[in-house]
C-alpha atoms as a PDB file:
ATOM      1  CA  MET A   1       0.351  -4.294 -17.740  1.00  0.00           C
ATOM      2  CA  ALA A   2       3.993  -1.955 -17.993  1.00  0.00           C
ATOM      3  CA  THR A   3       5.039   0.926 -18.505  1.00  0.00           C
ATOM      4  CA  TYR A   4       8.765   1.760 -20.119  1.00  0.00           C
ATOM      5  CA  ALA A   5      10.813   4.372 -18.276  1.00  0.00           C
ATOM      6  CA  GLU A   6      14.101   4.744 -19.117  1.00  0.00           C
ATOM      7  CA  GLU A   7      13.389   1.144 -20.676  1.00  0.00           C
ATOM      8  CA  LYS A   8      12.625  -0.447 -17.240  1.00  0.00           C
ATOM      9  CA  PRO A   9      10.066  -2.050 -17.050  1.00  0.00           C
ATOM     10  CA  MET A  10       7.454  -1.144 -14.640  1.00  0.00           C
ATOM     11  CA  PHE A  11       5.088  -3.078 -13.407  1.00  0.00           C
ATOM     12  CA  LEU A  12       2.477  -2.061 -10.890  1.00  0.00           C
ATOM     13  CA  ALA A  13       2.334  -4.682  -8.629  1.00  0.00           C
ATOM     14  CA  LYS A  14       3.483  -1.760  -5.948  1.00  0.00           C
ATOM     15  CA  LYS A  15       0.620   0.310  -6.094  1.00  0.00           C
ATOM     16  CA  PHE A  16      -2.301  -1.839  -6.922  1.00  0.00           C
ATOM     17  CA  GLY A  17      -0.817  -4.005  -3.368  1.00  0.00           C
ATOM     18  CA  GLY A  18      -0.658  -0.373  -1.336  1.00  0.00           C
ATOM     19  CA  ILE A  19      -4.020   0.020  -2.171  1.00  0.00           C
ATOM     20  CA  LEU A  20      -4.869  -3.641  -1.708  1.00  0.00           C
ATOM     21  CA  LEU A  21      -3.391  -3.503   1.562  1.00  0.00           C
ATOM     22  CA  LEU A  22      -5.220  -0.293   2.625  1.00  0.00           C
ATOM     23  CA  VAL A  23      -9.074  -0.907   1.467  1.00  0.00           C
ATOM     24  CA  LEU A  24      -8.127  -4.693   3.299  1.00  0.00           C
ATOM     25  CA  GLY A  25      -7.135  -2.590   6.881  1.00  0.00           C
ATOM     26  CA  PHE A  26      -9.552  -0.309   6.439  1.00  0.00           C
ATOM     27  CA  VAL A  27     -11.941  -3.153   7.061  1.00  0.00           C
ATOM     28  CA  ILE A  28     -10.108  -5.144   9.212  1.00  0.00           C
ATOM     29  CA  THR A  29      -9.749  -2.362  11.619  1.00  0.00           C
ATOM     30  CA  ALA A  30     -13.644  -0.825  11.337  1.00  0.00           C
ATOM     31  CA  TYR A  31     -14.453  -5.048  11.682  1.00  0.00           C
ATOM     32  CA  GLY A  32     -12.117  -5.662  14.625  1.00  0.00           C
ATOM     33  CA  PHE A  33     -12.983  -2.117  16.855  1.00  0.00           C
ATOM     34  CA  GLY A  34     -16.848  -2.702  15.772  1.00  0.00           C
ATOM     35  CA  THR A  35     -16.942  -6.001  17.733  1.00  0.00           C
ATOM     36  CA  GLU A  36     -13.957  -5.163  20.207  1.00  0.00           C
ATOM     37  CA  SER A  37     -11.840  -7.780  18.828  1.00  0.00           C
ATOM     38  CA  ASN A  38      -8.194  -5.873  19.791  1.00  0.00           C
ATOM     39  CA  GLY A  39      -6.390  -8.052  17.733  1.00  0.00           C
ATOM     40  CA  LEU A  40      -8.480  -8.009  14.554  1.00  0.00           C
ATOM     41  CA  GLY A  41      -8.260  -4.566  14.911  1.00  0.00           C
ATOM     42  CA  ILE A  42      -4.618  -4.433  15.577  1.00  0.00           C
ATOM     43  CA  LEU A  43      -4.257  -6.531  12.085  1.00  0.00           C
ATOM     44  CA  GLY A  44      -5.887  -4.271  10.393  1.00  0.00           C
ATOM     45  CA  LEU A  45      -3.929  -1.251  11.310  1.00  0.00           C
ATOM     46  CA  VAL A  46      -0.919  -2.841  10.684  1.00  0.00           C
ATOM     47  CA  LEU A  47      -2.102  -3.713   7.369  1.00  0.00           C
ATOM     48  CA  LEU A  48      -2.807  -0.348   6.784  1.00  0.00           C
ATOM     49  CA  ALA A  49       1.203   0.992   7.305  1.00  0.00           C
ATOM     50  CA  CYS A  50       1.842  -2.026   4.990  1.00  0.00           C
ATOM     51  CA  GLY A  51      -0.022  -0.072   2.526  1.00  0.00           C
ATOM     52  CA  VAL A  52       0.831   3.031   3.060  1.00  0.00           C
ATOM     53  CA  VAL A  53       4.510   2.227   3.162  1.00  0.00           C
ATOM     54  CA  LEU A  54       4.417   0.563  -0.200  1.00  0.00           C
ATOM     55  CA  LEU A  55       2.548   3.879  -1.416  1.00  0.00           C
ATOM     56  CA  ILE A  56       5.520   5.915  -0.405  1.00  0.00           C
ATOM     57  CA  LEU A  57       7.917   3.400  -1.535  1.00  0.00           C
ATOM     58  CA  LYS A  58       6.593   3.613  -4.797  1.00  0.00           C
ATOM     59  CA  ILE A  59       6.083   7.454  -5.270  1.00  0.00           C
ATOM     60  CA  VAL A  60       9.551   7.736  -4.021  1.00  0.00           C
ATOM     61  CA  ARG A  61      10.762   5.629  -6.904  1.00  0.00           C
ATOM     62  CA  ARG A  62       8.948   7.546  -9.143  1.00  0.00           C
ATOM     63  CA  ASN A  63      11.140  10.830  -8.042  1.00  0.00           C
ATOM     64  CA  GLN A  64      14.488   9.319  -7.522  1.00  0.00           C
ATOM     65  CA  SER A  65      14.525   9.474 -11.582  1.00  0.00           C
ATOM     66  CA  ALA A  66      13.242  12.545 -12.423  1.00  0.00           C
ATOM     67  CA  PRO A  67      16.056  15.210 -12.479  1.00  0.00           C
ATOM     68  CA  LEU A  68      14.836  18.928 -11.869  1.00  0.00           C
END
């Protein structure tokens, strides 16, 4: 599943990975803090942060190639 922009394949792996990390991060954070397990809560927050970073990198990369 690739789209072509300027004859370069752009795979959606970062977008899917970022969304998957966000969902897993939310679930693990809620479970960890709900059961008073700080380790799982912190792990969930780290996964959330990684998901946000991946999505931001995807957006920045897409916007760099489009001059105004």
